[in-house]
Amino acid sequence: MLRHSAKLAVALLLLAGGHAAAQTPIRIVVNADLGETTISRYIYGQFGEDLGRNIYDGFWTKSGTGQWHLRDDVIEALRKIQVPVLRWPGGCFADYYHWRDGVGPRDQRPKMVNTVWGGVTEDNSFGTHEYLELIQRLGAEPFIVGNLGSGTVEEMSKWWEYLHAPTGSPLGDERAANGHPEPFNVRFWGVGNESWGCGGAMTPQAYADNYKRYAEYLRGARPFRIASGPNTDDYAWTDTMMREAGWMIDGLDMHYYTVVGPWSHKGSATDFGEREWFTAMQRAERMDTLITRHATIMDRYDPQKRVWLIVGEWGMWHDPEPGSTPGFLYQQNTLRDAVVAGLHLNIFNSHADRVRMANIAQTVNVLQSMILTQGDQMVLTPTYWVFDLYKVHQDATLLPLNIKSDAYTFNGQSVPAVSASASKDKDGRIHITLANLDPNRGRSVQVDIRGQQVSSVSGRALTAATMQAHNTFEQPNAVQPADFHGARLSGDVLTLDLPSKSVVVVELR
């Protein structure tokens, strides 16, 4: 339970709207009858790399008898936010991973040293079958990234065949002997990861040639082939891939992290001030520009938008928590991370005609995670609650939205204060999600709903008394959603009083 003082502070923020009434209203127009594009549920995807305590101790843990098993509490929590897809085994780890080390009897699997992340020795007890059992229990779809960097064409093609071959064939019979007679339903397949960096340090032309060779040998069942895409603003990479291999690509995987400081000192996840808050918002807002420019290049070669732009790794990257293993990338998660997540998801929704999948990095105990674990304990992060608020957009129809926001200004620089996106679900309910990036002032927002009569409004809001608020194992509920009472409906006009530093979802019926 929240302490009384914390409950009172959040309640006052939600009621007062952070002095929103004193501001000139922000105007939003939602055209409820003009939606055509579906917001893919895969935009709300997750990333489970074999990194730190993400897999081992996150999803996969030891019982009192020393036997490995999947964590029921983690799975139950992730099912509640309707995880649609989970990317595995990496990340950089994918191009060091040899799939045969992770199949067969667990006590006979060879050990390995994870030279990419932390230099720890692992027993390969979590492999293909364990991952696909996890996928089945999550009710999600698999997204496997094959080893192009240190592997071979034969190794990748054999893994694909192992997953799909019928019994009666050598690899189908091997899979059946390992406990799964029926072929696995794997569709999403990454052909290497970050091939411009940890996946091979290739030029775009070299990777395009390698991609075509590896992708050609993924035969039998037709994969949805995902190519390693650009690093942030490497527009030449996107142009080369679309020009040289576009006809063989189904998805192009771009990566961009929100980092406040230099890579050598990214800054604390919890010990920061408004300068770091503003920088995070400014750099997260850059995602809109990156998507727009990469999508424009893709449009030259693919005007029908057949190829998905996938944001396969995104989120806040801070320095590891003091006392943790540096290579494990364990970091806390504050209200700042939650607002950044809300901003990103609104951007992805607005580009739903091209962005069809995204995978936040990462799911448990690593970077901007949904969940933190410590022994048998589990904590849901503020970012988890954003995904809970935004799940209403999954497979809903994107509604055209025009927003004229004022600015949040700090030290002479500005970003739009409010971000928003809207959708209509199959039952005709309209959902609007909003993020107020200003940590100091609330905002009054007037929403003009056109093309549909609405008679009721309800909502939920995520905020806290301080920018640095976060959930701990001692206080696991310090930051969590509460009912939103700052909404007033008058005819076709909806007025919303957004608290400062908040993420809000409203439902209109």
Protein backbone atom coordinates (compact mmCIF):
# COMPACT_ATOMS: atom_id res chain seq x y z
CA MET A 1 0.00 0.00 0.00
CA LEU A 2 1.08 3.60 -0.60
CA ARG A 3 1.92 5.59 2.47
CA HIS A 4 -0.82 8.10 3.32
CA SER A 5 1.33 11.12 2.38
CA ALA A 6 2.17 9.66 -1.04
CA LYS A 7 -1.49 8.88 -1.73
CA LEU A 8 -2.49 12.39 -0.75
CA ALA A 9 0.19 13.99 -2.96
CA VAL A 10 -0.91 11.99 -6.03
CA ALA A 11 -4.58 12.73 -5.33
CA LEU A 12 -3.89 16.47 -5.13
CA LEU A 13 -1.93 16.33 -8.39
CA LEU A 14 -4.79 14.58 -10.19
CA LEU A 15 -7.42 16.92 -8.79
CA ALA A 16 -5.51 20.14 -9.36
CA GLY A 17 -4.03 19.16 -12.70
CA GLY A 18 -0.75 20.82 -11.70
CA HIS A 19 -2.31 24.32 -12.09
CA ALA A 20 -3.56 23.38 -15.56
CA ALA A 21 -6.44 25.86 -15.36
CA ALA A 22 -4.03 28.80 -15.43
CA GLN A 23 -2.70 27.86 -18.86
CA THR A 24 -4.08 28.67 -22.31
CA PRO A 25 -5.78 25.43 -23.42
CA ILE A 26 -3.98 23.20 -25.88
CA ARG A 27 -6.22 22.32 -28.84
CA ILE A 28 -6.63 18.81 -30.22
CA VAL A 29 -8.96 17.76 -33.03
CA VAL A 30 -9.82 14.06 -33.32
CA ASN A 31 -11.57 12.92 -36.50
CA ALA A 32 -13.41 9.88 -35.18
CA ASP A 33 -14.92 8.94 -38.57
CA LEU A 34 -11.77 9.12 -40.72
CA GLY A 35 -9.57 6.33 -39.36
CA GLU A 36 -8.11 3.88 -41.90
CA THR A 37 -4.83 2.55 -40.47
CA THR A 38 -4.63 -0.19 -37.86
CA ILE A 39 -2.25 0.30 -34.96
CA SER A 40 -0.40 -3.00 -34.96
CA ARG A 41 -0.37 -4.74 -31.60
CA TYR A 42 3.28 -5.59 -32.30
CA ILE A 43 4.20 -1.96 -31.57
CA TYR A 44 3.79 -2.99 -27.92
CA GLY A 45 6.41 -5.74 -28.20
CA GLN A 46 9.09 -6.72 -25.71
CA PHE A 47 12.75 -7.74 -25.88
CA GLY A 48 14.23 -10.66 -23.93
CA GLU A 49 17.96 -10.80 -24.59
CA ASP A 50 20.23 -13.21 -22.76
CA LEU A 51 21.74 -10.31 -20.85
CA GLY A 52 22.30 -9.91 -17.11
CA ARG A 53 19.27 -11.08 -15.15
CA ASN A 54 16.76 -10.76 -17.96
CA ILE A 55 16.50 -14.47 -18.82
CA TYR A 56 18.34 -16.14 -15.95
CA ASP A 57 16.65 -14.96 -12.73
CA GLY A 58 14.12 -12.90 -14.68
CA PHE A 59 12.04 -15.27 -16.79
CA TRP A 60 13.97 -18.39 -15.80
CA THR A 61 14.77 -19.15 -12.18
CA LYS A 62 15.85 -22.01 -9.91
CA SER A 63 13.55 -23.73 -7.45
CA GLY A 64 14.59 -24.76 -3.96
CA THR A 65 15.71 -28.10 -5.39
CA GLY A 66 18.01 -26.40 -7.89
CA GLN A 67 15.81 -27.07 -10.93
CA TRP A 68 15.28 -24.33 -13.50
CA HIS A 69 11.71 -23.25 -14.31
CA LEU A 70 9.74 -20.32 -15.73
CA ARG A 71 8.61 -17.66 -13.25
CA ASP A 72 4.83 -17.74 -12.88
CA ASP A 73 4.62 -14.25 -11.34
CA VAL A 74 6.52 -12.61 -14.18
CA ILE A 75 4.42 -14.40 -16.79
CA GLU A 76 1.15 -13.45 -15.08
CA ALA A 77 2.17 -9.78 -14.91
CA LEU A 78 3.17 -9.68 -18.59
CA ARG A 79 -0.05 -11.38 -19.68
CA LYS A 80 -1.97 -8.51 -18.09
CA ILE A 81 -0.36 -6.00 -20.44
CA GLN A 82 -1.03 -8.31 -23.40
CA VAL A 83 2.55 -8.76 -24.63
CA PRO A 84 2.16 -9.48 -28.36
CA VAL A 85 5.73 -10.49 -29.29
CA LEU A 86 9.03 -11.16 -27.51
CA ARG A 87 12.35 -10.75 -29.35
CA TRP A 88 15.08 -13.30 -28.42
CA PRO A 89 18.00 -14.24 -27.93
CA GLY A 90 19.34 -10.74 -28.68
CA GLY A 91 20.61 -8.16 -29.30
CA CYS A 92 24.33 -8.47 -29.53
CA PHE A 93 24.10 -11.89 -27.89
CA ALA A 94 22.27 -13.28 -30.95
CA ASP A 95 25.39 -13.14 -33.10
CA TYR A 96 27.35 -15.16 -30.54
CA TYR A 97 24.62 -17.73 -29.85
CA HIS A 98 24.73 -21.21 -31.36
CA TRP A 99 21.29 -22.75 -31.16
CA ARG A 100 22.37 -26.38 -30.87
CA ASP A 101 23.94 -25.61 -27.48
CA GLY A 102 20.40 -24.96 -26.18
CA VAL A 103 18.49 -28.07 -27.28
CA GLY A 104 18.43 -31.62 -25.95
CA PRO A 105 18.55 -32.79 -22.31
CA ARG A 106 19.41 -29.83 -20.10
CA ASP A 107 21.96 -31.72 -18.06
CA GLN A 108 23.88 -32.57 -21.23
CA ARG A 109 24.01 -29.09 -22.74
CA PRO A 110 27.46 -27.47 -22.93
CA LYS A 111 28.20 -24.49 -20.74
CA MET A 112 29.23 -21.21 -22.31
CA VAL A 113 30.74 -17.90 -21.24
CA ASN A 114 28.60 -14.89 -22.14
CA THR A 115 31.49 -12.79 -23.41
CA VAL A 116 29.12 -10.08 -24.63
CA TRP A 117 27.44 -9.31 -21.31
CA GLY A 118 29.25 -9.70 -18.00
CA GLY A 119 31.55 -12.63 -18.80
CA VAL A 120 29.39 -15.04 -16.76
CA THR A 121 29.23 -18.79 -17.33
CA GLU A 122 25.79 -20.09 -18.30
CA ASP A 123 24.52 -23.64 -18.61
CA ASN A 124 22.30 -23.11 -21.69
CA SER A 125 19.32 -24.47 -19.74
CA PHE A 126 17.21 -21.81 -21.43
CA GLY A 127 17.14 -22.54 -25.14
CA THR A 128 14.75 -22.90 -28.06
CA HIS A 129 12.15 -25.12 -26.38
CA GLU A 130 12.16 -23.11 -23.16
CA TYR A 131 11.76 -19.86 -25.07
CA LEU A 132 8.86 -21.19 -27.09
CA GLU A 133 7.19 -22.54 -23.94
CA LEU A 134 7.51 -19.04 -22.50
CA ILE A 135 5.96 -17.60 -25.67
CA GLN A 136 3.05 -20.02 -25.42
CA ARG A 137 2.41 -19.15 -21.79
CA LEU A 138 2.57 -15.42 -22.50
CA GLY A 139 0.06 -15.78 -25.34
CA ALA A 140 2.59 -13.94 -27.51
CA GLU A 141 4.36 -14.62 -30.81
CA PRO A 142 8.04 -15.50 -31.17
CA PHE A 143 10.62 -13.28 -32.84
CA ILE A 144 13.93 -15.14 -33.13
CA VAL A 145 17.12 -13.42 -34.26
CA GLY A 146 19.53 -15.76 -36.03
CA ASN A 147 23.32 -15.69 -35.83
CA LEU A 148 24.76 -14.04 -38.91
CA GLY A 149 27.81 -12.49 -37.26
CA SER A 150 29.70 -15.57 -36.00
CA GLY A 151 27.49 -18.28 -37.45
CA THR A 152 27.08 -19.81 -40.88
CA VAL A 153 24.36 -19.98 -43.48
CA GLU A 154 23.99 -23.68 -42.71
CA GLU A 155 23.60 -23.09 -38.97
CA MET A 156 20.82 -20.54 -39.46
CA SER A 157 19.02 -22.59 -42.07
CA LYS A 158 19.17 -25.71 -39.87
CA TRP A 159 17.67 -23.81 -36.94
CA TRP A 160 14.81 -22.68 -39.17
CA GLU A 161 14.36 -26.24 -40.42
CA TYR A 162 14.43 -27.61 -36.83
CA LEU A 163 11.54 -25.31 -35.97
CA HIS A 164 9.37 -26.16 -38.98
CA ALA A 165 10.25 -29.59 -40.38
CA PRO A 166 7.61 -32.34 -40.06
CA THR A 167 8.33 -35.54 -38.23
CA GLY A 168 9.79 -38.12 -40.57
CA SER A 169 12.57 -35.72 -41.51
CA PRO A 170 15.91 -35.76 -39.62
CA LEU A 171 15.47 -32.41 -37.86
CA GLY A 172 11.75 -32.92 -37.32
CA ASP A 173 12.49 -36.21 -35.60
CA GLU A 174 15.20 -34.58 -33.49
CA ARG A 175 12.74 -31.89 -32.37
CA ALA A 176 10.17 -34.57 -31.53
CA ALA A 177 12.77 -36.51 -29.51
CA ASN A 178 13.36 -33.27 -27.59
CA GLY A 179 9.71 -33.12 -26.63
CA HIS A 180 7.82 -31.28 -29.39
CA PRO A 181 6.52 -33.47 -32.24
CA GLU A 182 4.54 -30.66 -33.90
CA PRO A 183 6.41 -27.92 -35.77
CA PHE A 184 6.71 -24.64 -33.89
CA ASN A 185 4.74 -21.66 -35.13
CA VAL A 186 7.60 -19.23 -35.71
CA ARG A 187 7.08 -16.49 -38.27
CA PHE A 188 9.24 -13.48 -37.33
CA TRP A 189 12.92 -14.12 -38.09
CA GLY A 190 15.78 -11.67 -37.74
CA VAL A 191 18.74 -12.21 -40.07
CA GLY A 192 21.43 -10.95 -37.71
CA ASN A 193 21.39 -8.01 -35.31
CA GLU A 194 23.10 -4.62 -35.50
CA SER A 195 25.28 -5.83 -38.33
CA TRP A 196 26.77 -2.33 -38.55
CA GLY A 197 28.24 -2.87 -35.04
CA CYS A 198 28.37 -5.83 -32.65
CA GLY A 199 26.86 -8.11 -35.30
CA GLY A 200 29.80 -7.89 -37.68
CA ALA A 201 30.94 -4.25 -38.10
CA MET A 202 29.83 -4.40 -41.75
CA THR A 203 29.28 -1.73 -44.33
CA PRO A 204 25.69 -1.53 -45.60
CA GLN A 205 26.71 -3.06 -48.92
CA ALA A 206 28.50 -5.97 -47.23
CA TYR A 207 25.53 -6.65 -45.00
CA ALA A 208 23.06 -6.42 -47.91
CA ASP A 209 25.04 -9.12 -49.73
CA ASN A 210 25.23 -11.30 -46.63
CA TYR A 211 21.56 -10.74 -45.84
CA LYS A 212 20.47 -11.97 -49.25
CA ARG A 213 22.62 -15.09 -48.97
CA TYR A 214 21.38 -16.04 -45.49
CA ALA A 215 17.73 -15.15 -46.21
CA GLU A 216 17.76 -17.25 -49.38
CA TYR A 217 18.32 -20.42 -47.35
CA LEU A 218 15.39 -19.92 -44.97
CA ARG A 219 13.31 -22.41 -46.91
CA GLY A 220 10.23 -24.50 -46.33
CA ALA A 221 7.84 -22.43 -44.24
CA ARG A 222 7.90 -18.82 -45.40
CA PRO A 223 9.49 -16.58 -42.75
CA PHE A 224 8.76 -12.93 -42.18
CA ARG A 225 12.35 -11.88 -42.84
CA ILE A 226 13.65 -9.00 -40.74
CA ALA A 227 16.86 -7.29 -41.81
CA SER A 228 19.22 -5.48 -39.49
CA GLY A 229 18.32 -1.86 -39.96
CA PRO A 230 20.01 1.47 -39.31
CA ASN A 231 21.71 2.75 -36.20
CA THR A 232 19.78 5.92 -35.30
CA ASP A 233 20.25 8.38 -38.21
CA ASP A 234 22.27 6.24 -40.60
CA TYR A 235 20.07 7.03 -43.59
CA ALA A 236 22.61 5.61 -46.04
CA TRP A 237 22.10 2.19 -44.42
CA THR A 238 18.35 2.34 -45.03
CA ASP A 239 18.81 3.50 -48.60
CA THR A 240 21.34 0.75 -49.38
CA MET A 241 19.23 -2.01 -47.84
CA MET A 242 16.04 -0.98 -49.63
CA ARG A 243 17.84 -0.54 -52.94
CA GLU A 244 19.95 -3.71 -52.82
CA ALA A 245 17.67 -6.16 -50.98
CA GLY A 246 14.27 -4.55 -50.48
CA TRP A 247 12.38 -7.24 -52.38
CA MET A 248 13.67 -9.86 -49.91
CA ILE A 249 12.95 -7.81 -46.78
CA ASP A 250 9.69 -7.88 -44.84
CA GLY A 251 10.86 -5.75 -41.92
CA LEU A 252 13.77 -3.35 -41.40
CA ASP A 253 14.94 -3.13 -37.77
CA MET A 254 16.04 0.35 -36.62
CA HIS A 255 17.58 0.91 -33.14
CA TYR A 256 17.63 4.13 -31.13
CA TYR A 257 18.18 4.64 -27.40
CA THR A 258 17.40 7.73 -25.34
CA VAL A 259 20.64 8.53 -23.52
CA VAL A 260 20.90 11.70 -21.44
CA GLY A 261 24.68 11.93 -21.12
CA PRO A 262 27.65 10.67 -23.15
CA TRP A 263 27.89 6.90 -23.58
CA SER A 264 30.75 6.75 -21.06
CA HIS A 265 28.61 8.38 -18.38
CA LYS A 266 24.93 8.20 -19.21
CA GLY A 267 23.73 9.43 -15.85
CA SER A 268 21.84 7.98 -12.91
CA ALA A 269 18.40 6.49 -13.33
CA THR A 270 17.17 8.08 -10.09
CA ASP A 271 19.54 10.91 -9.12
CA PHE A 272 18.82 13.68 -11.60
CA GLY A 273 17.32 17.16 -11.92
CA GLU A 274 15.32 19.09 -14.46
CA ARG A 275 18.27 19.44 -16.85
CA GLU A 276 18.45 15.65 -17.23
CA TRP A 277 14.64 15.41 -17.37
CA PHE A 278 14.46 17.93 -20.22
CA THR A 279 17.30 16.30 -22.14
CA ALA A 280 15.52 12.94 -21.93
CA MET A 281 12.31 14.45 -23.35
CA GLN A 282 14.19 16.28 -26.08
CA ARG A 283 16.10 13.19 -27.18
CA ALA A 284 13.04 10.94 -26.96
CA GLU A 285 11.08 13.39 -29.13
CA ARG A 286 13.78 12.92 -31.78
CA MET A 287 12.26 9.51 -32.51
CA ASP A 288 9.56 11.23 -34.57
CA THR A 289 12.16 12.82 -36.85
CA LEU A 290 14.10 9.57 -37.25
CA ILE A 291 11.01 7.60 -38.22
CA THR A 292 9.85 10.29 -40.64
CA ARG A 293 13.18 10.41 -42.46
CA HIS A 294 13.75 6.65 -42.61
CA ALA A 295 10.15 6.14 -43.76
CA THR A 296 10.62 8.72 -46.52
CA ILE A 297 13.59 6.73 -47.86
CA MET A 298 11.61 3.50 -47.65
CA ASP A 299 8.73 5.13 -49.54
CA ARG A 300 10.99 5.69 -52.57
CA TYR A 301 11.46 1.94 -52.99
CA ASP A 302 8.25 0.72 -51.37
CA PRO A 303 5.40 3.21 -51.88
CA GLN A 304 2.85 0.52 -50.96
CA LYS A 305 4.48 0.32 -47.49
CA ARG A 306 4.81 -3.47 -47.64
CA VAL A 307 8.06 -3.45 -45.64
CA TRP A 308 7.59 -2.80 -41.94
CA LEU A 309 9.78 -0.28 -40.19
CA ILE A 310 10.53 -2.06 -36.91
CA VAL A 311 12.01 -0.23 -33.92
CA GLY A 312 13.61 -3.36 -32.50
CA GLU A 313 15.41 -1.66 -29.61
CA TRP A 314 14.35 1.57 -27.92
CA GLY A 315 14.10 3.13 -24.48
CA MET A 316 16.06 4.93 -21.78
CA TRP A 317 19.64 3.80 -21.13
CA HIS A 318 21.16 4.92 -17.82
CA ASP A 319 24.29 3.94 -15.92
CA PRO A 320 23.92 0.60 -14.08
CA GLU A 321 22.74 0.80 -10.48
CA PRO A 322 25.57 1.20 -7.97
CA GLY A 323 26.71 -2.17 -6.68
CA SER A 324 25.34 -4.13 -9.64
CA THR A 325 27.46 -5.94 -12.25
CA PRO A 326 28.20 -3.28 -14.92
CA GLY A 327 27.73 -5.69 -17.83
CA PHE A 328 24.26 -6.65 -16.59
CA LEU A 329 22.80 -3.19 -17.40
CA TYR A 330 20.50 -3.26 -14.36
CA GLN A 331 18.84 0.11 -13.77
CA GLN A 332 15.94 1.55 -11.83
CA ASN A 333 12.90 3.01 -13.55
CA THR A 334 11.27 6.32 -12.56
CA LEU A 335 8.39 8.51 -13.62
CA ARG A 336 10.82 10.07 -16.12
CA ASP A 337 11.11 6.73 -17.91
CA ALA A 338 7.33 6.35 -17.90
CA VAL A 339 6.75 9.73 -19.58
CA VAL A 340 9.43 8.91 -22.16
CA ALA A 341 7.65 5.61 -22.85
CA GLY A 342 4.31 7.37 -23.30
CA LEU A 343 5.90 9.84 -25.73
CA HIS A 344 7.48 7.01 -27.76
CA LEU A 345 4.28 5.00 -27.99
CA ASN A 346 2.31 8.04 -29.17
CA ILE A 347 4.95 8.57 -31.87
CA PHE A 348 4.82 4.93 -32.96
CA ASN A 349 1.01 5.04 -33.11
CA SER A 350 1.09 8.18 -35.26
CA HIS A 351 3.36 6.37 -37.76
CA ALA A 352 1.31 3.17 -37.76
CA ASP A 353 1.21 3.07 -41.56
CA ARG A 354 4.93 2.23 -41.58
CA VAL A 355 5.89 1.33 -38.00
CA ARG A 356 4.38 -2.08 -37.45
CA MET A 357 6.51 -3.44 -34.63
CA ALA A 358 8.63 -2.11 -31.77
CA ASN A 359 10.45 -3.88 -28.94
CA ILE A 360 11.33 -1.91 -25.82
CA ALA A 361 14.69 -2.80 -24.30
CA GLN A 362 14.25 -4.81 -22.18
CA THR A 363 11.60 -6.78 -20.31
CA VAL A 364 13.04 -7.84 -16.94
CA ASN A 365 15.95 -6.41 -14.90
CA VAL A 366 17.69 -4.79 -17.90
CA LEU A 367 17.54 -1.16 -19.10
CA GLN A 368 13.98 0.26 -19.28
CA SER A 369 12.27 -2.87 -18.05
CA MET A 370 8.70 -3.72 -17.17
CA ILE A 371 9.68 -5.76 -14.13
CA LEU A 372 12.44 -5.92 -11.53
CA THR A 373 13.08 -9.08 -9.51
CA GLN A 374 15.01 -9.81 -6.34
CA GLY A 375 14.84 -13.41 -5.23
CA ASP A 376 11.16 -14.29 -4.99
CA GLN A 377 10.10 -10.63 -5.02
CA MET A 378 8.85 -8.78 -8.08
CA VAL A 379 8.26 -5.06 -8.69
CA LEU A 380 6.27 -3.53 -11.55
CA THR A 381 7.97 -0.40 -12.87
CA PRO A 382 6.33 2.90 -13.91
CA THR A 383 7.02 1.90 -17.53
CA TYR A 384 4.99 -1.29 -16.99
CA TRP A 385 2.01 0.85 -16.06
CA VAL A 386 2.34 2.91 -19.25
CA PHE A 387 2.07 -0.29 -21.30
CA ASP A 388 -0.97 -1.20 -19.21
CA LEU A 389 -2.61 2.17 -19.98
CA TYR A 390 -1.76 2.01 -23.69
CA LYS A 391 -2.80 -1.60 -24.38
CA VAL A 392 -6.20 -0.24 -25.52
CA HIS A 393 -4.53 0.82 -28.79
CA GLN A 394 -3.51 -2.71 -29.80
CA ASP A 395 -5.10 -3.55 -33.19
CA ALA A 396 -7.41 -0.53 -32.91
CA THR A 397 -7.96 1.95 -35.74
CA LEU A 398 -5.71 5.00 -35.63
CA LEU A 399 -7.78 8.19 -35.59
CA PRO A 400 -6.36 11.26 -37.36
CA LEU A 401 -5.36 13.73 -34.68
CA ASN A 402 -4.19 17.31 -34.96
CA ILE A 403 -2.59 18.91 -31.94
CA LYS A 404 -1.39 22.46 -31.35
CA SER A 405 0.63 22.28 -28.18
CA ASP A 406 2.44 25.03 -26.39
CA ALA A 407 6.06 24.48 -25.41
CA TYR A 408 7.84 23.10 -22.40
CA THR A 409 10.94 25.30 -22.21
CA PHE A 410 14.13 24.83 -20.23
CA ASN A 411 17.28 26.96 -20.50
CA GLY A 412 16.12 28.51 -23.75
CA GLN A 413 15.29 25.21 -25.49
CA SER A 414 11.82 23.82 -26.07
CA VAL A 415 9.84 20.71 -26.89
CA PRO A 416 6.08 20.37 -27.34
CA ALA A 417 4.60 20.09 -23.86
CA VAL A 418 1.94 17.50 -24.71
CA SER A 419 2.05 14.41 -26.93
CA ALA A 420 -1.10 12.50 -27.89
CA SER A 421 -2.53 9.72 -30.04
CA ALA A 422 -6.05 8.36 -30.49
CA SER A 423 -7.73 5.18 -31.70
CA LYS A 424 -11.12 3.51 -31.99
CA ASP A 425 -11.52 -0.13 -30.97
CA LYS A 426 -13.80 -2.74 -32.51
CA ASP A 427 -16.60 -1.82 -30.10
CA GLY A 428 -16.54 1.83 -31.15
CA ARG A 429 -14.83 3.15 -28.03
CA ILE A 430 -12.39 6.01 -28.54
CA HIS A 431 -9.18 6.07 -26.53
CA ILE A 432 -6.86 9.05 -26.31
CA THR A 433 -3.45 8.75 -24.67
CA LEU A 434 -1.55 11.85 -23.62
CA ALA A 435 1.83 12.57 -22.06
CA ASN A 436 2.56 15.89 -20.37
CA LEU A 437 6.32 16.34 -20.64
CA ASP A 438 6.45 19.38 -18.37
CA PRO A 439 7.53 18.40 -14.83
CA ASN A 440 6.41 21.72 -13.36
CA ARG A 441 3.07 22.71 -14.84
CA GLY A 442 -0.14 20.97 -15.72
CA ARG A 443 -1.85 21.60 -19.03
CA SER A 444 -5.48 22.21 -19.95
CA VAL A 445 -6.35 20.42 -23.19
CA GLN A 446 -9.50 20.96 -25.22
CA VAL A 447 -10.33 18.04 -27.51
CA ASP A 448 -12.80 18.54 -30.36
CA ILE A 449 -14.33 15.15 -31.23
CA ARG A 450 -15.61 15.16 -34.80
CA GLY A 451 -17.59 12.48 -36.58
CA GLN A 452 -18.98 10.61 -33.56
CA GLN A 453 -21.31 11.41 -30.72
CA VAL A 454 -19.92 10.70 -27.26
CA SER A 455 -21.82 10.71 -23.99
CA SER A 456 -19.38 9.55 -21.32
CA VAL A 457 -15.71 9.84 -20.44
CA SER A 458 -13.50 7.97 -17.99
CA GLY A 459 -9.76 7.70 -17.56
CA ARG A 460 -6.65 6.73 -15.66
CA ALA A 461 -3.51 8.72 -14.95
CA LEU A 462 0.05 7.93 -13.97
CA THR A 463 1.95 10.62 -12.08
CA ALA A 464 3.77 11.23 -8.80
CA ALA A 465 4.88 14.02 -6.53
CA THR A 466 8.46 14.06 -7.84
CA MET A 467 10.28 13.43 -11.13
CA GLN A 468 12.46 10.81 -9.46
CA ALA A 469 9.59 8.73 -8.00
CA HIS A 470 10.02 4.98 -8.53
CA ASN A 471 8.96 1.63 -7.15
CA THR A 472 11.22 -0.40 -4.88
CA PHE A 473 10.97 -3.77 -3.22
CA GLU A 474 10.24 -1.94 0.04
CA GLN A 475 7.66 0.38 -1.57
CA PRO A 476 6.41 -1.43 -4.70
CA ASN A 477 3.34 0.77 -5.24
CA ALA A 478 4.83 4.25 -5.01
CA VAL A 479 4.06 4.92 -8.69
CA GLN A 480 0.94 3.35 -10.15
CA PRO A 481 -2.14 4.54 -12.06
CA ALA A 482 -5.14 6.15 -10.37
CA ASP A 483 -8.57 7.15 -11.64
CA PHE A 484 -8.42 10.38 -13.63
CA HIS A 485 -10.97 12.98 -12.58
CA GLY A 486 -9.69 15.87 -14.68
CA ALA A 487 -12.05 15.28 -17.64
CA ARG A 488 -15.19 17.26 -18.51
CA LEU A 489 -17.42 16.57 -21.50
CA SER A 490 -19.63 19.30 -22.96
CA GLY A 491 -21.25 18.40 -26.25
CA ASP A 492 -18.50 17.47 -28.68
CA VAL A 493 -15.78 19.19 -26.66
CA LEU A 494 -13.74 17.34 -24.08
CA THR A 495 -11.64 19.31 -21.59
CA LEU A 496 -8.75 17.53 -19.89
CA ASP A 497 -6.72 18.95 -17.02
CA LEU A 498 -3.45 17.05 -17.25
CA PRO A 499 -1.23 16.95 -14.18
CA SER A 500 2.40 17.91 -14.65
CA LYS A 501 4.78 15.03 -15.54
CA SER A 502 1.97 12.60 -16.30
CA VAL A 503 0.68 9.95 -18.68
CA VAL A 504 -3.11 9.80 -19.12
CA VAL A 505 -5.58 7.62 -21.04
CA VAL A 506 -9.23 8.57 -21.49
CA GLU A 507 -12.03 6.45 -22.91
CA LEU A 508 -15.00 7.98 -24.71
CA ARG A 509 -18.23 6.14 -25.31
